[in-house]
């Protein structure tokens, strides 16, 4: 036990899982599910009847919440599937610094680790910020990944 002094821990993680199990039949459209190890939003769901050997199957179609790719899976309705913990937060955009967003939370904490989103959303974000609008960025966080999925004009700032 004397050699414990030189042990160094980088982070103190509580060890909570990024997902939790849920029975296939309990999943719903517009909910979240892990398909091919990616967090997805369910866009289509259908259940087949029980066959000669028992299980009703659930056919799931989901869109990756970060990349927008489409994934499909079929699973017996009695089996469990992993559901990701998805956290949604709004941040106020204070600055854009070298391709990264400077965001402020409701508590006043600043974070500068999120890149400007690709494509149309990124261009819209840049142009609206440059025109002097107060913007709120909606950040989705799941499975150790984060990204801006939507922006809206902060109406509270104008009052």
N, C-alpha and C. Protein backbone atom coordinates (compact mmCIF):
# COMPACT_ATOMS: atom_id res chain seq x y z
N UNK A 1 0.81 -1.20 0.00
CA UNK A 1 0.00 0.00 0.00
C UNK A 1 0.85 1.26 0.00
N UNK A 2 2.14 1.14 0.28
CA UNK A 2 3.01 2.32 0.36
C UNK A 2 3.27 2.93 -1.02
N UNK A 3 3.12 2.12 -2.09
CA UNK A 3 3.40 2.65 -3.42
C UNK A 3 2.20 3.38 -4.05
N UNK A 4 1.19 3.68 -3.28
CA UNK A 4 0.00 4.37 -3.79
C UNK A 4 0.24 5.86 -4.03
N UNK A 5 1.29 6.44 -3.41
CA UNK A 5 1.51 7.88 -3.55
C UNK A 5 1.82 8.30 -4.99
N UNK A 6 2.49 7.45 -5.75
CA UNK A 6 2.86 7.83 -7.11
C UNK A 6 1.80 7.48 -8.15
N UNK A 7 0.65 6.99 -7.71
CA UNK A 7 -0.44 6.69 -8.63
C UNK A 7 -1.14 7.99 -8.98
N UNK A 8 -1.30 8.22 -10.30
CA UNK A 8 -1.90 9.48 -10.76
C UNK A 8 -3.12 9.16 -11.63
N UNK A 9 -4.25 9.77 -11.30
CA UNK A 9 -5.47 9.58 -12.07
C UNK A 9 -5.76 10.85 -12.86
N UNK A 10 -5.97 10.71 -14.18
CA UNK A 10 -6.25 11.87 -15.03
C UNK A 10 -7.61 12.48 -14.72
N UNK A 11 -8.65 11.65 -14.70
CA UNK A 11 -10.00 12.17 -14.44
C UNK A 11 -10.69 11.33 -13.39
N UNK A 12 -11.62 11.93 -12.71
CA UNK A 12 -12.42 11.21 -11.73
C UNK A 12 -13.80 10.97 -12.30
N UNK A 13 -13.95 9.92 -13.10
CA UNK A 13 -15.22 9.60 -13.73
C UNK A 13 -16.03 8.71 -12.80
N UNK A 14 -17.31 8.96 -12.73
CA UNK A 14 -18.17 8.15 -11.86
C UNK A 14 -18.38 6.75 -12.42
N UNK A 15 -17.98 6.56 -13.68
CA UNK A 15 -18.11 5.23 -14.28
C UNK A 15 -19.50 4.94 -14.79
N UNK A 16 -20.32 5.98 -14.94
CA UNK A 16 -21.67 5.77 -15.45
C UNK A 16 -21.61 5.39 -16.92
N UNK A 17 -22.50 4.50 -17.31
CA UNK A 17 -22.54 4.04 -18.69
C UNK A 17 -23.12 5.12 -19.60
N UNK A 18 -22.69 5.12 -20.86
CA UNK A 18 -23.22 6.07 -21.83
C UNK A 18 -24.59 5.61 -22.35
N UNK A 19 -24.94 4.36 -22.04
CA UNK A 19 -26.23 3.81 -22.51
C UNK A 19 -26.94 3.07 -21.39
N UNK A 20 -28.23 2.79 -21.61
CA UNK A 20 -28.98 1.94 -20.70
C UNK A 20 -29.85 1.00 -21.53
N UNK A 21 -30.14 -0.20 -21.01
CA UNK A 21 -30.92 -1.16 -21.80
C UNK A 21 -32.43 -0.86 -21.76
N UNK A 22 -33.10 -1.14 -22.88
CA UNK A 22 -34.55 -1.00 -22.94
C UNK A 22 -35.09 -2.06 -23.88
N UNK A 23 -36.23 -2.64 -23.51
CA UNK A 23 -36.81 -3.69 -24.34
C UNK A 23 -37.23 -3.10 -25.69
N UNK A 24 -36.96 -3.88 -26.74
CA UNK A 24 -37.23 -3.42 -28.11
C UNK A 24 -38.67 -2.94 -28.30
N UNK A 25 -39.61 -3.67 -27.74
CA UNK A 25 -41.03 -3.31 -27.92
C UNK A 25 -41.39 -2.00 -27.22
N UNK A 26 -40.56 -1.55 -26.26
CA UNK A 26 -40.84 -0.31 -25.53
C UNK A 26 -40.27 0.93 -26.23
N UNK A 27 -39.45 0.70 -27.26
CA UNK A 27 -38.89 1.83 -28.00
C UNK A 27 -39.98 2.52 -28.81
N UNK A 28 -39.84 3.82 -29.01
CA UNK A 28 -40.85 4.59 -29.75
C UNK A 28 -40.20 5.44 -30.83
N UNK A 29 -41.00 5.80 -31.83
CA UNK A 29 -40.55 6.70 -32.89
C UNK A 29 -40.15 8.03 -32.26
N UNK A 30 -39.14 8.68 -32.80
CA UNK A 30 -38.56 9.93 -32.29
C UNK A 30 -37.78 9.75 -30.98
N UNK A 31 -37.66 8.50 -30.51
CA UNK A 31 -36.81 8.23 -29.35
C UNK A 31 -35.39 7.97 -29.84
N UNK A 32 -34.51 7.63 -28.92
CA UNK A 32 -33.12 7.38 -29.29
C UNK A 32 -32.78 5.92 -29.07
N UNK A 33 -31.85 5.39 -29.88
CA UNK A 33 -31.40 4.00 -29.75
C UNK A 33 -30.00 3.90 -30.34
N UNK A 34 -29.23 2.91 -29.88
CA UNK A 34 -27.90 2.67 -30.45
C UNK A 34 -28.05 1.68 -31.61
N UNK A 35 -27.72 2.12 -32.83
CA UNK A 35 -27.72 1.24 -33.99
C UNK A 35 -26.30 1.19 -34.53
N UNK A 36 -25.74 0.01 -34.67
CA UNK A 36 -24.36 -0.18 -35.13
C UNK A 36 -23.38 0.65 -34.30
N UNK A 37 -23.58 0.68 -32.99
CA UNK A 37 -22.74 1.40 -32.02
C UNK A 37 -22.74 2.92 -32.21
N UNK A 38 -23.78 3.46 -32.81
CA UNK A 38 -23.91 4.91 -33.00
C UNK A 38 -25.23 5.38 -32.38
N UNK A 39 -25.25 6.54 -31.70
CA UNK A 39 -26.51 7.06 -31.16
C UNK A 39 -27.40 7.58 -32.30
N UNK A 40 -28.61 7.05 -32.40
CA UNK A 40 -29.51 7.39 -33.49
C UNK A 40 -30.88 7.79 -32.97
N UNK A 41 -31.57 8.62 -33.77
CA UNK A 41 -32.95 8.97 -33.49
C UNK A 41 -33.81 8.07 -34.36
N UNK A 42 -34.82 7.42 -33.76
CA UNK A 42 -35.66 6.49 -34.50
C UNK A 42 -36.61 7.28 -35.40
N UNK A 43 -36.54 7.00 -36.72
CA UNK A 43 -37.43 7.69 -37.66
C UNK A 43 -38.52 6.78 -38.20
N UNK A 44 -38.27 5.47 -38.14
CA UNK A 44 -39.25 4.52 -38.65
C UNK A 44 -39.16 3.24 -37.83
N UNK A 45 -40.31 2.65 -37.57
CA UNK A 45 -40.33 1.46 -36.74
C UNK A 45 -41.50 0.59 -37.16
N UNK A 46 -41.26 -0.70 -37.37
CA UNK A 46 -42.37 -1.60 -37.69
C UNK A 46 -42.16 -2.94 -36.99
N UNK A 47 -43.26 -3.55 -36.63
CA UNK A 47 -43.20 -4.84 -35.93
C UNK A 47 -43.81 -5.91 -36.82
N UNK A 48 -43.08 -7.02 -36.96
CA UNK A 48 -43.63 -8.14 -37.74
C UNK A 48 -44.33 -9.10 -36.78
N UNK A 49 -45.24 -9.89 -37.32
CA UNK A 49 -45.98 -10.84 -36.49
C UNK A 49 -45.07 -11.98 -36.04
N UNK A 50 -45.50 -12.66 -34.98
CA UNK A 50 -44.73 -13.81 -34.51
C UNK A 50 -44.79 -14.90 -35.57
N UNK A 51 -43.65 -15.50 -35.83
CA UNK A 51 -43.58 -16.55 -36.85
C UNK A 51 -43.75 -17.92 -36.24
N UNK A 52 -43.36 -18.92 -37.01
CA UNK A 52 -43.49 -20.30 -36.58
C UNK A 52 -42.66 -20.56 -35.31
N UNK A 53 -41.54 -19.85 -35.19
CA UNK A 53 -40.66 -20.09 -34.04
C UNK A 53 -40.72 -18.98 -33.01
N UNK A 54 -41.85 -18.32 -32.91
CA UNK A 54 -42.02 -17.47 -31.74
C UNK A 54 -41.89 -15.98 -31.82
N UNK A 55 -40.70 -15.44 -31.96
CA UNK A 55 -40.50 -14.01 -31.67
C UNK A 55 -41.04 -13.06 -32.73
N UNK A 56 -41.71 -12.01 -32.25
CA UNK A 56 -42.06 -10.89 -33.13
C UNK A 56 -40.79 -10.07 -33.31
N UNK A 57 -40.56 -9.60 -34.53
CA UNK A 57 -39.34 -8.82 -34.79
C UNK A 57 -39.70 -7.34 -34.94
N UNK A 58 -38.79 -6.49 -34.47
CA UNK A 58 -38.95 -5.05 -34.61
C UNK A 58 -37.89 -4.56 -35.60
N UNK A 59 -38.36 -3.88 -36.65
CA UNK A 59 -37.46 -3.33 -37.66
C UNK A 59 -37.29 -1.85 -37.35
N UNK A 60 -36.06 -1.43 -37.07
CA UNK A 60 -35.78 -0.04 -36.69
C UNK A 60 -34.97 0.66 -37.77
N UNK A 61 -35.36 1.90 -38.07
CA UNK A 61 -34.57 2.76 -38.95
C UNK A 61 -34.27 4.01 -38.15
N UNK A 62 -32.98 4.34 -38.06
CA UNK A 62 -32.59 5.51 -37.27
C UNK A 62 -31.59 6.36 -38.02
N UNK A 63 -31.54 7.64 -37.67
CA UNK A 63 -30.57 8.55 -38.26
C UNK A 63 -29.60 8.99 -37.18
N UNK A 64 -28.31 8.81 -37.46
CA UNK A 64 -27.24 9.18 -36.53
C UNK A 64 -27.41 10.65 -36.14
N UNK A 65 -27.45 10.92 -34.82
CA UNK A 65 -27.73 12.29 -34.36
C UNK A 65 -26.56 13.23 -34.61
N UNK A 66 -25.37 12.70 -34.91
CA UNK A 66 -24.22 13.56 -35.17
C UNK A 66 -23.88 13.66 -36.66
N UNK A 67 -23.89 12.54 -37.37
CA UNK A 67 -23.47 12.56 -38.77
C UNK A 67 -24.63 12.61 -39.76
N UNK A 68 -25.83 12.25 -39.32
CA UNK A 68 -26.99 12.26 -40.22
C UNK A 68 -27.09 11.01 -41.08
N UNK A 69 -26.22 10.02 -40.87
CA UNK A 69 -26.28 8.77 -41.65
C UNK A 69 -27.45 7.92 -41.19
N UNK A 70 -27.98 7.12 -42.13
CA UNK A 70 -29.13 6.27 -41.83
C UNK A 70 -28.64 4.87 -41.47
N UNK A 71 -29.18 4.32 -40.39
CA UNK A 71 -28.84 2.96 -39.96
C UNK A 71 -30.12 2.14 -39.77
N UNK A 72 -30.03 0.83 -40.03
CA UNK A 72 -31.18 -0.05 -39.84
C UNK A 72 -30.77 -1.24 -38.99
N UNK A 73 -31.75 -1.79 -38.28
CA UNK A 73 -31.51 -2.99 -37.49
C UNK A 73 -32.81 -3.74 -37.29
N UNK A 74 -32.71 -5.04 -37.14
CA UNK A 74 -33.88 -5.87 -36.83
C UNK A 74 -33.56 -6.63 -35.56
N UNK A 75 -34.50 -6.62 -34.60
CA UNK A 75 -34.23 -7.26 -33.32
C UNK A 75 -35.54 -7.84 -32.77
N UNK A 76 -35.48 -9.01 -32.12
CA UNK A 76 -36.69 -9.58 -31.52
C UNK A 76 -37.27 -8.62 -30.48
N UNK A 77 -38.59 -8.50 -30.44
CA UNK A 77 -39.22 -7.49 -29.58
C UNK A 77 -38.99 -7.72 -28.09
N UNK A 78 -38.65 -8.95 -27.71
CA UNK A 78 -38.42 -9.23 -26.29
C UNK A 78 -36.98 -8.94 -25.88
N UNK A 79 -36.10 -8.74 -26.84
CA UNK A 79 -34.69 -8.48 -26.51
C UNK A 79 -34.47 -7.03 -26.12
N UNK A 80 -33.38 -6.80 -25.38
CA UNK A 80 -33.04 -5.44 -24.98
C UNK A 80 -32.13 -4.79 -26.01
N UNK A 81 -32.30 -3.48 -26.18
CA UNK A 81 -31.38 -2.70 -27.02
C UNK A 81 -30.83 -1.58 -26.17
N UNK A 82 -29.64 -1.11 -26.52
CA UNK A 82 -29.04 0.00 -25.77
C UNK A 82 -29.64 1.32 -26.22
N UNK A 83 -29.97 2.15 -25.24
CA UNK A 83 -30.49 3.49 -25.51
C UNK A 83 -29.46 4.48 -24.96
N UNK A 84 -29.00 5.42 -25.79
CA UNK A 84 -27.98 6.36 -25.31
C UNK A 84 -28.58 7.42 -24.39
N UNK A 85 -27.79 7.87 -23.42
CA UNK A 85 -28.18 9.04 -22.61
C UNK A 85 -27.89 10.25 -23.49
N UNK A 86 -28.94 10.98 -23.86
CA UNK A 86 -28.75 12.16 -24.71
C UNK A 86 -29.09 13.39 -23.90
N UNK A 87 -28.13 14.32 -23.85
CA UNK A 87 -28.34 15.55 -23.10
C UNK A 87 -28.35 16.71 -24.08
N UNK A 88 -29.32 17.59 -23.91
CA UNK A 88 -29.49 18.72 -24.81
C UNK A 88 -29.32 19.99 -24.00
N UNK A 89 -28.45 20.90 -24.47
CA UNK A 89 -28.21 22.13 -23.73
C UNK A 89 -28.13 23.31 -24.68
N UNK A 90 -28.63 24.46 -24.21
CA UNK A 90 -28.52 25.69 -25.00
C UNK A 90 -27.38 26.54 -24.46
N UNK A 91 -26.57 27.05 -25.35
CA UNK A 91 -25.47 27.94 -24.99
C UNK A 91 -25.60 29.23 -25.79
N UNK A 92 -25.15 30.33 -25.21
CA UNK A 92 -25.13 31.59 -25.93
C UNK A 92 -23.80 31.72 -26.65
N UNK A 93 -23.86 32.07 -27.93
CA UNK A 93 -22.65 32.23 -28.72
C UNK A 93 -22.06 33.61 -28.43
N UNK A 94 -20.81 33.63 -27.91
CA UNK A 94 -20.19 34.92 -27.59
C UNK A 94 -19.13 35.33 -28.62
N UNK A 95 -18.50 34.33 -29.28
CA UNK A 95 -17.46 34.65 -30.25
C UNK A 95 -17.16 33.43 -31.11
N UNK A 96 -16.56 33.68 -32.26
CA UNK A 96 -16.04 32.59 -33.09
C UNK A 96 -14.54 32.81 -33.19
N UNK A 97 -13.76 31.80 -32.74
CA UNK A 97 -12.32 31.95 -32.66
C UNK A 97 -11.64 30.83 -33.44
N UNK A 98 -11.07 31.16 -34.61
CA UNK A 98 -10.27 30.22 -35.39
C UNK A 98 -11.03 28.91 -35.68
N UNK A 99 -12.29 28.99 -36.10
CA UNK A 99 -13.07 27.80 -36.44
C UNK A 99 -13.74 27.14 -35.25
N UNK A 100 -13.49 27.65 -34.05
CA UNK A 100 -14.12 27.11 -32.86
C UNK A 100 -15.12 28.12 -32.29
N UNK A 101 -16.19 27.60 -31.68
CA UNK A 101 -17.21 28.46 -31.09
C UNK A 101 -16.86 28.76 -29.64
N UNK A 102 -17.04 29.99 -29.22
CA UNK A 102 -16.90 30.34 -27.81
C UNK A 102 -18.32 30.46 -27.28
N UNK A 103 -18.70 29.51 -26.42
CA UNK A 103 -20.08 29.41 -25.95
C UNK A 103 -20.15 29.66 -24.45
N UNK A 104 -21.25 30.29 -24.02
CA UNK A 104 -21.45 30.54 -22.60
C UNK A 104 -22.73 29.84 -22.14
N UNK A 105 -22.61 29.08 -21.06
CA UNK A 105 -23.78 28.38 -20.52
C UNK A 105 -24.62 29.34 -19.68
N UNK A 106 -25.78 28.88 -19.24
CA UNK A 106 -26.65 29.70 -18.39
C UNK A 106 -25.95 30.11 -17.10
N UNK A 107 -25.05 29.25 -16.63
CA UNK A 107 -24.33 29.53 -15.39
C UNK A 107 -23.15 30.48 -15.57
N UNK A 108 -22.88 30.88 -16.81
CA UNK A 108 -21.78 31.80 -17.06
C UNK A 108 -20.46 31.13 -17.39
N UNK A 109 -20.46 29.80 -17.47
CA UNK A 109 -19.23 29.08 -17.80
C UNK A 109 -18.95 29.17 -19.30
N UNK A 110 -17.69 29.43 -19.65
CA UNK A 110 -17.31 29.50 -21.06
C UNK A 110 -16.71 28.18 -21.51
N UNK A 111 -16.97 27.82 -22.75
CA UNK A 111 -16.32 26.65 -23.34
C UNK A 111 -15.96 26.97 -24.78
N UNK A 112 -14.77 26.51 -25.18
CA UNK A 112 -14.26 26.86 -26.50
C UNK A 112 -13.81 25.61 -27.25
N UNK A 113 -14.45 24.46 -26.98
CA UNK A 113 -13.97 23.20 -27.55
C UNK A 113 -14.85 22.65 -28.67
N UNK A 114 -15.87 23.40 -29.09
CA UNK A 114 -16.73 22.90 -30.16
C UNK A 114 -16.43 23.59 -31.48
N UNK A 115 -16.27 22.78 -32.53
CA UNK A 115 -16.01 23.33 -33.87
C UNK A 115 -17.31 23.87 -34.46
N UNK A 116 -17.17 24.77 -35.42
CA UNK A 116 -18.33 25.24 -36.17
C UNK A 116 -18.88 24.05 -36.95
N UNK A 117 -20.21 23.82 -36.89
CA UNK A 117 -20.76 22.66 -37.62
C UNK A 117 -20.53 22.77 -39.13
N UNK A 118 -20.46 21.60 -39.77
CA UNK A 118 -20.23 21.55 -41.22
C UNK A 118 -21.49 21.97 -41.96
N UNK A 119 -21.33 22.34 -43.20
CA UNK A 119 -22.46 22.53 -44.11
C UNK A 119 -23.28 23.79 -43.87
N UNK A 120 -24.55 23.66 -44.19
CA UNK A 120 -25.48 24.79 -44.18
C UNK A 120 -25.61 25.46 -42.82
N UNK A 121 -25.70 24.64 -41.76
CA UNK A 121 -25.85 25.18 -40.41
C UNK A 121 -24.65 26.06 -40.03
N UNK A 122 -23.46 25.61 -40.38
CA UNK A 122 -22.24 26.37 -40.10
C UNK A 122 -22.21 27.71 -40.82
N UNK A 123 -22.62 27.70 -42.10
CA UNK A 123 -22.65 28.93 -42.88
C UNK A 123 -23.68 29.90 -42.32
N UNK A 124 -24.85 29.37 -41.96
CA UNK A 124 -25.91 30.21 -41.39
C UNK A 124 -25.44 30.81 -40.06
N UNK A 125 -24.78 30.00 -39.24
CA UNK A 125 -24.28 30.45 -37.95
C UNK A 125 -23.28 31.59 -38.13
N UNK A 126 -22.34 31.41 -39.05
CA UNK A 126 -21.33 32.45 -39.31
C UNK A 126 -21.97 33.76 -39.77
N UNK A 127 -22.86 33.66 -40.77
CA UNK A 127 -23.43 34.89 -41.35
C UNK A 127 -24.31 35.63 -40.34
N UNK A 128 -25.09 34.88 -39.55
CA UNK A 128 -25.96 35.53 -38.57
C UNK A 128 -25.14 36.15 -37.43
N UNK A 129 -24.04 35.48 -37.05
CA UNK A 129 -23.18 36.03 -36.00
C UNK A 129 -22.49 37.30 -36.49
N UNK A 130 -22.02 37.27 -37.74
CA UNK A 130 -21.33 38.43 -38.32
C UNK A 130 -22.26 39.62 -38.51
N UNK A 131 -23.59 39.34 -38.68
CA UNK A 131 -24.54 40.44 -38.84
C UNK A 131 -24.96 41.01 -37.48
N UNK A 132 -24.37 40.49 -36.40
CA UNK A 132 -24.58 41.06 -35.07
C UNK A 132 -25.74 40.49 -34.28
N UNK A 133 -26.29 39.36 -34.73
CA UNK A 133 -27.42 38.77 -34.00
C UNK A 133 -26.91 38.03 -32.76
N UNK A 134 -27.73 38.06 -31.68
CA UNK A 134 -27.45 37.25 -30.48
C UNK A 134 -27.96 35.85 -30.78
N UNK A 135 -27.07 34.85 -30.75
CA UNK A 135 -27.48 33.50 -31.11
C UNK A 135 -27.41 32.53 -29.93
N UNK A 136 -28.38 31.61 -29.91
CA UNK A 136 -28.34 30.49 -28.97
C UNK A 136 -28.05 29.23 -29.78
N UNK A 137 -27.06 28.46 -29.34
CA UNK A 137 -26.70 27.22 -30.01
C UNK A 137 -27.20 26.04 -29.16
N UNK A 138 -27.92 25.13 -29.79
CA UNK A 138 -28.37 23.92 -29.11
C UNK A 138 -27.33 22.83 -29.33
N UNK A 139 -26.77 22.33 -28.22
CA UNK A 139 -25.71 21.32 -28.28
C UNK A 139 -26.27 19.99 -27.79
N UNK A 140 -26.06 18.95 -28.60
CA UNK A 140 -26.48 17.60 -28.22
C UNK A 140 -25.24 16.84 -27.78
N UNK A 141 -25.35 16.16 -26.64
CA UNK A 141 -24.22 15.44 -26.06
C UNK A 141 -24.63 14.00 -25.80
N UNK A 142 -23.85 13.06 -26.33
CA UNK A 142 -24.14 11.65 -26.12
C UNK A 142 -22.91 10.80 -26.44
N UNK A 143 -22.69 9.77 -25.66
CA UNK A 143 -21.60 8.81 -25.90
C UNK A 143 -20.24 9.48 -26.08
N UNK A 144 -19.98 10.52 -25.32
CA UNK A 144 -18.68 11.19 -25.39
C UNK A 144 -18.52 12.12 -26.58
N UNK A 145 -19.58 12.30 -27.37
CA UNK A 145 -19.52 13.21 -28.51
C UNK A 145 -20.45 14.38 -28.27
N UNK A 146 -20.11 15.51 -28.85
CA UNK A 146 -20.97 16.68 -28.76
C UNK A 146 -20.97 17.40 -30.09
N UNK A 147 -22.10 18.00 -30.44
CA UNK A 147 -22.12 18.87 -31.62
C UNK A 147 -23.32 19.80 -31.58
N UNK A 148 -23.17 20.92 -32.29
CA UNK A 148 -24.25 21.90 -32.39
C UNK A 148 -25.23 21.37 -33.42
N UNK A 149 -26.51 21.22 -33.03
CA UNK A 149 -27.49 20.69 -33.98
C UNK A 149 -28.46 21.75 -34.46
N UNK A 150 -28.55 22.87 -33.74
CA UNK A 150 -29.48 23.92 -34.14
C UNK A 150 -29.04 25.25 -33.57
N UNK A 151 -29.45 26.32 -34.26
CA UNK A 151 -29.22 27.66 -33.74
C UNK A 151 -30.52 28.43 -33.78
N UNK A 152 -30.67 29.35 -32.86
CA UNK A 152 -31.84 30.23 -32.91
C UNK A 152 -31.45 31.61 -32.38
N UNK A 153 -32.18 32.61 -32.81
CA UNK A 153 -31.90 33.98 -32.37
C UNK A 153 -32.36 34.13 -30.93
N UNK A 154 -31.52 34.71 -30.09
CA UNK A 154 -31.85 34.88 -28.69
C UNK A 154 -32.80 36.08 -28.54
N UNK A 155 -34.08 35.78 -28.32
CA UNK A 155 -35.08 36.85 -28.21
C UNK A 155 -35.05 37.49 -26.83
N UNK A 156 -34.55 36.76 -25.83
CA UNK A 156 -34.51 37.29 -24.45
C UNK A 156 -33.54 38.47 -24.33
N UNK A 157 -32.52 38.50 -25.19
CA UNK A 157 -31.49 39.54 -25.11
C UNK A 157 -32.02 40.90 -25.57
N UNK A 158 -33.07 40.89 -26.40
CA UNK A 158 -33.58 42.14 -26.96
C UNK A 158 -34.54 42.86 -26.03
N UNK A 159 -35.06 42.18 -25.03
CA UNK A 159 -36.06 42.77 -24.15
C UNK A 159 -35.44 43.64 -23.08
